[in-house]
Amino acid sequence: MRINGDQKKSGPIGTNSFAQLRLGHNESELSDLDGYFAEIVGFADNSKQEIIEGYLAWKWGLVANLPAGHPYKNSAP
């Protein structure tokens, strides 16, 4: 998992089968999201991950949140 271009976690996301995807719920679905999604992006592999992070940061005016070493910190992809 990456937040603002910085890797926070890695590894498997659990052992449950992946039958459906529910955004905005916890695992037991007792708590709903209290907020909004601006964009959700999914892709098959992470080969374009930094390009997508850079594009979204520049699109939404969040470039300051990218870490100093990010390849798109100073210029858009």
PDB file of N, CA and C in Angstrom:
ATOM      1  N   MET A   1       0.847  -1.165   0.000  1.00  0.00           N
ATOM      2  CA  MET A   1       0.000   0.000   0.000  1.00  0.00           C
ATOM      3  C   MET A   1       0.895   1.231   0.000  1.00  0.00           C
ATOM      4  N   ARG A   2       0.559   2.161  -0.849  1.00  0.00           N
ATOM      5  CA  ARG A   2       1.309   3.410  -0.922  1.00  0.00           C
ATOM      6  C   ARG A   2       0.351   4.574  -0.654  1.00  0.00           C
ATOM      7  N   ILE A   3       0.825   5.549   0.062  1.00  0.00           N
ATOM      8  CA  ILE A   3       0.054   6.766   0.331  1.00  0.00           C
ATOM      9  C   ILE A   3       0.923   7.943  -0.066  1.00  0.00           C
ATOM     10  N   ASN A   4       0.402   8.794  -0.954  1.00  0.00           N
ATOM     11  CA  ASN A   4       1.136   9.968  -1.432  1.00  0.00           C
ATOM     12  C   ASN A   4       2.519   9.608  -1.971  1.00  0.00           C
ATOM     13  N   GLY A   5       2.614   8.493  -2.685  1.00  0.00           N
ATOM     14  CA  GLY A   5       3.867   8.109  -3.306  1.00  0.00           C
ATOM     15  C   GLY A   5       4.880   7.464  -2.380  1.00  0.00           C
ATOM     16  N   ASP A   6       4.484   7.153  -1.167  1.00  0.00           N
ATOM     17  CA  ASP A   6       5.389   6.569  -0.184  1.00  0.00           C
ATOM     18  C   ASP A   6       4.843   5.211   0.239  1.00  0.00           C
ATOM     19  N   GLN A   7       5.667   4.159   0.134  1.00  0.00           N
ATOM     20  CA  GLN A   7       5.194   2.825   0.495  1.00  0.00           C
ATOM     21  C   GLN A   7       5.034   2.724   2.001  1.00  0.00           C
ATOM     22  N   LYS A   8       3.843   2.334   2.439  1.00  0.00           N
ATOM     23  CA  LYS A   8       3.544   2.209   3.861  1.00  0.00           C
ATOM     24  C   LYS A   8       3.517   0.746   4.297  1.00  0.00           C
ATOM     25  N   LYS A   9       2.969  -0.127   3.480  1.00  0.00           N
ATOM     26  CA  LYS A   9       2.842  -1.549   3.811  1.00  0.00           C
ATOM     27  C   LYS A   9       3.108  -2.372   2.567  1.00  0.00           C
ATOM     28  N   SER A  10       3.501  -3.623   2.745  1.00  0.00           N
ATOM     29  CA  SER A  10       3.638  -4.548   1.639  1.00  0.00           C
ATOM     30  C   SER A  10       3.282  -5.938   2.137  1.00  0.00           C
ATOM     31  N   GLY A  11       3.041  -6.838   1.221  1.00  0.00           N
ATOM     32  CA  GLY A  11       2.723  -8.208   1.582  1.00  0.00           C
ATOM     33  C   GLY A  11       1.292  -8.555   1.243  1.00  0.00           C
ATOM     34  N   PRO A  12       0.851  -9.760   1.616  1.00  0.00           N
ATOM     35  CA  PRO A  12      -0.505 -10.201   1.299  1.00  0.00           C
ATOM     36  C   PRO A  12      -1.544  -9.392   2.060  1.00  0.00           C
ATOM     37  N   ILE A  13      -2.735  -9.324   1.497  1.00  0.00           N
ATOM     38  CA  ILE A  13      -3.801  -8.562   2.148  1.00  0.00           C
ATOM     39  C   ILE A  13      -4.718  -9.444   2.980  1.00  0.00           C
ATOM     40  N   GLY A  14      -4.415 -10.713   3.080  1.00  0.00           N
ATOM     41  CA  GLY A  14      -5.200 -11.615   3.904  1.00  0.00           C
ATOM     42  C   GLY A  14      -5.317 -12.985   3.279  1.00  0.00           C
ATOM     43  N   THR A  15      -6.042 -13.852   3.942  1.00  0.00           N
ATOM     44  CA  THR A  15      -6.176 -15.221   3.468  1.00  0.00           C
ATOM     45  C   THR A  15      -7.579 -15.528   2.971  1.00  0.00           C
ATOM     46  N   ASN A  16      -8.500 -14.589   3.070  1.00  0.00           N
ATOM     47  CA  ASN A  16      -9.859 -14.816   2.587  1.00  0.00           C
ATOM     48  C   ASN A  16      -9.872 -14.833   1.061  1.00  0.00           C
ATOM     49  N   SER A  17     -10.766 -15.617   0.490  1.00  0.00           N
ATOM     50  CA  SER A  17     -10.890 -15.618  -0.966  1.00  0.00           C
ATOM     51  C   SER A  17     -11.392 -14.264  -1.436  1.00  0.00           C
ATOM     52  N   PHE A  18     -10.993 -13.887  -2.634  1.00  0.00           N
ATOM     53  CA  PHE A  18     -11.339 -12.577  -3.179  1.00  0.00           C
ATOM     54  C   PHE A  18     -12.556 -12.732  -4.083  1.00  0.00           C
ATOM     55  N   ALA A  19     -13.750 -12.771  -3.483  1.00  0.00           N
ATOM     56  CA  ALA A  19     -14.986 -12.963  -4.236  1.00  0.00           C
ATOM     57  C   ALA A  19     -15.606 -11.634  -4.649  1.00  0.00           C
ATOM     58  N   GLN A  20     -15.365 -10.589  -3.890  1.00  0.00           N
ATOM     59  CA  GLN A  20     -15.923  -9.282  -4.212  1.00  0.00           C
ATOM     60  C   GLN A  20     -15.078  -8.187  -3.580  1.00  0.00           C
ATOM     61  N   LEU A  21     -15.239  -7.003  -4.087  1.00  0.00           N
ATOM     62  CA  LEU A  21     -14.505  -5.856  -3.581  1.00  0.00           C
ATOM     63  C   LEU A  21     -15.507  -4.838  -3.072  1.00  0.00           C
ATOM     64  N   ARG A  22     -15.364  -4.466  -1.821  1.00  0.00           N
ATOM     65  CA  ARG A  22     -16.237  -3.460  -1.231  1.00  0.00           C
ATOM     66  C   ARG A  22     -15.367  -2.327  -0.726  1.00  0.00           C
ATOM     67  N   LEU A  23     -15.577  -1.169  -1.241  1.00  0.00           N
ATOM     68  CA  LEU A  23     -14.795   0.000  -0.848  1.00  0.00           C
ATOM     69  C   LEU A  23     -15.561   0.790   0.206  1.00  0.00           C
ATOM     70  N   GLY A  24     -14.870   1.158   1.256  1.00  0.00           N
ATOM     71  CA  GLY A  24     -15.485   1.969   2.290  1.00  0.00           C
ATOM     72  C   GLY A  24     -16.046   1.177   3.451  1.00  0.00           C
ATOM     73  N   HIS A  25     -15.678  -0.091   3.560  1.00  0.00           N
ATOM     74  CA  HIS A  25     -16.111  -0.914   4.690  1.00  0.00           C
ATOM     75  C   HIS A  25     -14.894  -1.547   5.339  1.00  0.00           C
ATOM     76  N   ASN A  26     -15.007  -1.861   6.621  1.00  0.00           N
ATOM     77  CA  ASN A  26     -13.961  -2.666   7.228  1.00  0.00           C
ATOM     78  C   ASN A  26     -14.272  -4.137   6.964  1.00  0.00           C
ATOM     79  N   GLU A  27     -13.393  -5.039   7.396  1.00  0.00           N
ATOM     80  CA  GLU A  27     -13.547  -6.453   7.046  1.00  0.00           C
ATOM     81  C   GLU A  27     -14.878  -7.026   7.514  1.00  0.00           C
ATOM     82  N   SER A  28     -15.314  -6.666   8.702  1.00  0.00           N
ATOM     83  CA  SER A  28     -16.582  -7.200   9.215  1.00  0.00           C
ATOM     84  C   SER A  28     -17.778  -6.385   8.748  1.00  0.00           C
ATOM     85  N   GLU A  29     -17.521  -5.311   8.001  1.00  0.00           N
ATOM     86  CA  GLU A  29     -18.555  -4.434   7.445  1.00  0.00           C
ATOM     87  C   GLU A  29     -19.435  -3.786   8.514  1.00  0.00           C
ATOM     88  N   LEU A  30     -18.866  -3.567   9.676  1.00  0.00           N
ATOM     89  CA  LEU A  30     -19.603  -2.894  10.738  1.00  0.00           C
ATOM     90  C   LEU A  30     -19.412  -1.384  10.709  1.00  0.00           C
ATOM     91  N   SER A  31     -18.390  -0.924  10.000  1.00  0.00           N
ATOM     92  CA  SER A  31     -18.104   0.503   9.924  1.00  0.00           C
ATOM     93  C   SER A  31     -18.071   0.944   8.469  1.00  0.00           C
ATOM     94  N   ASP A  32     -18.819   1.968   8.143  1.00  0.00           N
ATOM     95  CA  ASP A  32     -18.813   2.530   6.797  1.00  0.00           C
ATOM     96  C   ASP A  32     -17.811   3.670   6.715  1.00  0.00           C
ATOM     97  N   LEU A  33     -17.440   4.001   5.499  1.00  0.00           N
ATOM     98  CA  LEU A  33     -16.539   5.113   5.247  1.00  0.00           C
ATOM     99  C   LEU A  33     -17.206   6.416   5.654  1.00  0.00           C
ATOM    100  N   ASP A  34     -16.472   7.245   6.357  1.00  0.00           N
ATOM    101  CA  ASP A  34     -16.957   8.577   6.707  1.00  0.00           C
ATOM    102  C   ASP A  34     -16.098   9.561   5.922  1.00  0.00           C
ATOM    103  N   GLY A  35     -16.435   9.766   4.659  1.00  0.00           N
ATOM    104  CA  GLY A  35     -15.647  10.624   3.783  1.00  0.00           C
ATOM    105  C   GLY A  35     -15.986  10.349   2.341  1.00  0.00           C
ATOM    106  N   TYR A  36     -15.077  10.708   1.452  1.00  0.00           N
ATOM    107  CA  TYR A  36     -15.322  10.586   0.018  1.00  0.00           C
ATOM    108  C   TYR A  36     -14.097  10.014  -0.682  1.00  0.00           C
ATOM    109  N   PHE A  37     -14.323   9.321  -1.774  1.00  0.00           N
ATOM    110  CA  PHE A  37     -13.258   8.916  -2.673  1.00  0.00           C
ATOM    111  C   PHE A  37     -13.217   9.926  -3.807  1.00  0.00           C
ATOM    112  N   ALA A  38     -12.047  10.477  -4.103  1.00  0.00           N
ATOM    113  CA  ALA A  38     -11.918  11.371  -5.247  1.00  0.00           C
ATOM    114  C   ALA A  38     -11.695  10.564  -6.510  1.00  0.00           C
ATOM    115  N   GLU A  39     -10.895   9.526  -6.403  1.00  0.00           N
ATOM    116  CA  GLU A  39     -10.595   8.652  -7.531  1.00  0.00           C
ATOM    117  C   GLU A  39     -10.132   7.313  -7.002  1.00  0.00           C
ATOM    118  N   ILE A  40     -10.465   6.269  -7.730  1.00  0.00           N
ATOM    119  CA  ILE A  40      -9.992   4.929  -7.411  1.00  0.00           C
ATOM    120  C   ILE A  40      -9.331   4.393  -8.672  1.00  0.00           C
ATOM    121  N   VAL A  41      -8.115   3.926  -8.535  1.00  0.00           N
ATOM    122  CA  VAL A  41      -7.361   3.435  -9.683  1.00  0.00           C
ATOM    123  C   VAL A  41      -6.903   2.019  -9.382  1.00  0.00           C
ATOM    124  N   GLY A  42      -7.128   1.128 -10.324  1.00  0.00           N
ATOM    125  CA  GLY A  42      -6.649  -0.238 -10.190  1.00  0.00           C
ATOM    126  C   GLY A  42      -5.843  -0.615 -11.417  1.00  0.00           C
ATOM    127  N   PHE A  43      -4.816  -1.415 -11.217  1.00  0.00           N
ATOM    128  CA  PHE A  43      -4.022  -1.878 -12.345  1.00  0.00           C
ATOM    129  C   PHE A  43      -3.438  -3.241 -12.028  1.00  0.00           C
ATOM    130  N   ALA A  44      -3.091  -3.984 -13.071  1.00  0.00           N
ATOM    131  CA  ALA A  44      -2.667  -5.377 -12.933  1.00  0.00           C
ATOM    132  C   ALA A  44      -1.274  -5.537 -12.321  1.00  0.00           C
ATOM    133  N   ASP A  45      -0.368  -4.614 -12.571  1.00  0.00           N
ATOM    134  CA  ASP A  45       0.955  -4.683 -11.972  1.00  0.00           C
ATOM    135  C   ASP A  45       1.407  -3.272 -11.634  1.00  0.00           C
ATOM    136  N   ASN A  46       2.503  -3.158 -10.912  1.00  0.00           N
ATOM    137  CA  ASN A  46       2.921  -1.839 -10.440  1.00  0.00           C
ATOM    138  C   ASN A  46       3.987  -1.186 -11.308  1.00  0.00           C
ATOM    139  N   SER A  47       4.134  -1.625 -12.559  1.00  0.00           N
ATOM    140  CA  SER A  47       5.178  -1.072 -13.430  1.00  0.00           C
ATOM    141  C   SER A  47       4.949   0.408 -13.754  1.00  0.00           C
ATOM    142  N   LYS A  48       3.734   0.875 -13.691  1.00  0.00           N
ATOM    143  CA  LYS A  48       3.421   2.284 -13.987  1.00  0.00           C
ATOM    144  C   LYS A  48       2.996   3.052 -12.735  1.00  0.00           C
ATOM    145  N   GLN A  49       3.254   2.470 -11.586  1.00  0.00           N
ATOM    146  CA  GLN A  49       2.772   3.030 -10.322  1.00  0.00           C
ATOM    147  C   GLN A  49       3.219   4.476 -10.082  1.00  0.00           C
ATOM    148  N   GLU A  50       4.499   4.754 -10.246  1.00  0.00           N
ATOM    149  CA  GLU A  50       4.991   6.109  -9.980  1.00  0.00           C
ATOM    150  C   GLU A  50       4.448   7.109 -10.996  1.00  0.00           C
ATOM    151  N   ILE A  51       4.261   6.683 -12.226  1.00  0.00           N
ATOM    152  CA  ILE A  51       3.671   7.577 -13.238  1.00  0.00           C
ATOM    153  C   ILE A  51       2.247   7.945 -12.840  1.00  0.00           C
ATOM    154  N   ILE A  52       1.480   6.962 -12.405  1.00  0.00           N
ATOM    155  CA  ILE A  52       0.092   7.212 -11.991  1.00  0.00           C
ATOM    156  C   ILE A  52       0.060   8.107 -10.758  1.00  0.00           C
ATOM    157  N   GLU A  53       0.931   7.835  -9.783  1.00  0.00           N
ATOM    158  CA  GLU A  53       1.007   8.688  -8.590  1.00  0.00           C
ATOM    159  C   GLU A  53       1.331  10.134  -8.972  1.00  0.00           C
ATOM    160  N   GLY A  54       2.315  10.295  -9.858  1.00  0.00           N
ATOM    161  CA  GLY A  54       2.693  11.638 -10.296  1.00  0.00           C
ATOM    162  C   GLY A  54       1.560  12.336 -11.023  1.00  0.00           C
ATOM    163  N   TYR A  55       0.919  11.620 -11.943  1.00  0.00           N
ATOM    164  CA  TYR A  55      -0.203  12.194 -12.694  1.00  0.00           C
ATOM    165  C   TYR A  55      -1.311  12.665 -11.741  1.00  0.00           C
ATOM    166  N   LEU A  56      -1.699  11.807 -10.809  1.00  0.00           N
ATOM    167  CA  LEU A  56      -2.789  12.175  -9.888  1.00  0.00           C
ATOM    168  C   LEU A  56      -2.385  13.309  -8.951  1.00  0.00           C
ATOM    169  N   ALA A  57      -1.135  13.306  -8.498  1.00  0.00           N
ATOM    170  CA  ALA A  57      -0.670  14.395  -7.622  1.00  0.00           C
ATOM    171  C   ALA A  57      -0.730  15.731  -8.345  1.00  0.00           C
ATOM    172  N   TRP A  58      -0.293  15.759  -9.609  1.00  0.00           N
ATOM    173  CA  TRP A  58      -0.341  17.009 -10.374  1.00  0.00           C
ATOM    174  C   TRP A  58      -1.784  17.379 -10.713  1.00  0.00           C
ATOM    175  N   LYS A  59      -2.610  16.410 -11.052  1.00  0.00           N
ATOM    176  CA  LYS A  59      -4.014  16.676 -11.397  1.00  0.00           C
ATOM    177  C   LYS A  59      -4.766  17.295 -10.227  1.00  0.00           C
ATOM    178  N   TRP A  60      -4.558  16.766  -9.029  1.00  0.00           N
ATOM    179  CA  TRP A  60      -5.320  17.207  -7.864  1.00  0.00           C
ATOM    180  C   TRP A  60      -4.592  18.260  -7.026  1.00  0.00           C
ATOM    181  N   GLY A  61      -3.446  18.735  -7.484  1.00  0.00           N
ATOM    182  CA  GLY A  61      -2.718  19.773  -6.741  1.00  0.00           C
ATOM    183  C   GLY A  61      -2.116  19.267  -5.437  1.00  0.00           C
ATOM    184  N   LEU A  62      -1.671  18.011  -5.423  1.00  0.00           N
ATOM    185  CA  LEU A  62      -1.134  17.405  -4.206  1.00  0.00           C
ATOM    186  C   LEU A  62       0.353  17.061  -4.330  1.00  0.00           C
ATOM    187  N   VAL A  63       1.043  17.736  -5.228  1.00  0.00           N
ATOM    188  CA  VAL A  63       2.453  17.445  -5.474  1.00  0.00           C
ATOM    189  C   VAL A  63       3.285  17.615  -4.204  1.00  0.00           C
ATOM    190  N   ALA A  64       2.937  18.545  -3.359  1.00  0.00           N
ATOM    191  CA  ALA A  64       3.691  18.763  -2.122  1.00  0.00           C
ATOM    192  C   ALA A  64       3.664  17.536  -1.217  1.00  0.00           C
ATOM    193  N   ASN A  65       2.686  16.658  -1.389  1.00  0.00           N
ATOM    194  CA  ASN A  65       2.590  15.454  -0.564  1.00  0.00           C
ATOM    195  C   ASN A  65       3.513  14.335  -1.024  1.00  0.00           C
ATOM    196  N   LEU A  66       4.046  14.422  -2.248  1.00  0.00           N
ATOM    197  CA  LEU A  66       4.957  13.391  -2.729  1.00  0.00           C
ATOM    198  C   LEU A  66       6.285  13.481  -1.983  1.00  0.00           C
ATOM    199  N   PRO A  67       6.932  12.339  -1.715  1.00  0.00           N
ATOM    200  CA  PRO A  67       8.227  12.397  -1.038  1.00  0.00           C
ATOM    201  C   PRO A  67       9.290  13.053  -1.917  1.00  0.00           C
ATOM    202  N   ALA A  68      10.317  13.595  -1.313  1.00  0.00           N
ATOM    203  CA  ALA A  68      11.357  14.345  -2.037  1.00  0.00           C
ATOM    204  C   ALA A  68      11.992  13.542  -3.160  1.00  0.00           C
ATOM    205  N   GLY A  69      12.149  12.240  -3.014  1.00  0.00           N
ATOM    206  CA  GLY A  69      12.803  11.433  -4.026  1.00  0.00           C
ATOM    207  C   GLY A  69      11.891  10.895  -5.114  1.00  0.00           C
ATOM    208  N   HIS A  70      10.632  11.274  -5.100  1.00  0.00           N
ATOM    209  CA  HIS A  70       9.693  10.767  -6.115  1.00  0.00           C
ATOM    210  C   HIS A  70      10.059  11.357  -7.479  1.00  0.00           C
ATOM    211  N   PRO A  71      10.067  10.531  -8.556  1.00  0.00           N
ATOM    212  CA  PRO A  71      10.499  11.028  -9.864  1.00  0.00           C
ATOM    213  C   PRO A  71       9.596  12.121 -10.460  1.00  0.00           C
ATOM    214  N   TYR A  72       8.390  12.289  -9.942  1.00  0.00           N
ATOM    215  CA  TYR A  72       7.487  13.318 -10.486  1.00  0.00           C
ATOM    216  C   TYR A  72       7.180  14.406  -9.457  1.00  0.00           C
ATOM    217  N   LYS A  73       8.067  14.576  -8.496  1.00  0.00           N
ATOM    218  CA  LYS A  73       7.924  15.628  -7.494  1.00  0.00           C
ATOM    219  C   LYS A  73       8.057  17.017  -8.116  1.00  0.00           C
ATOM    220  N   ASN A  74       8.978  17.172  -9.091  1.00  0.00           N
ATOM    221  CA  ASN A  74       9.277  18.499  -9.635  1.00  0.00           C
ATOM    222  C   ASN A  74       8.741  18.734 -11.036  1.00  0.00           C
ATOM    223  N   SER A  75       8.226  17.692 -11.675  1.00  0.00           N
ATOM    224  CA  SER A  75       7.639  17.868 -13.003  1.00  0.00           C
ATOM    225  C   SER A  75       6.619  16.766 -13.248  1.00  0.00           C
ATOM    226  N   ALA A  76       5.579  17.119 -13.953  1.00  0.00           N
ATOM    227  CA  ALA A  76       4.495  16.158 -14.239  1.00  0.00           C
ATOM    228  C   ALA A  76       4.955  15.096 -15.227  1.00  0.00           C
ATOM    229  N   PRO A  77       4.387  13.904 -15.143  1.00  0.00           N
ATOM    230  CA  PRO A  77       4.748  12.852 -16.096  1.00  0.00           C
ATOM    231  C   PRO A  77       4.255  13.168 -17.507  1.00  0.00           C
TER     232      PRO A  77
END
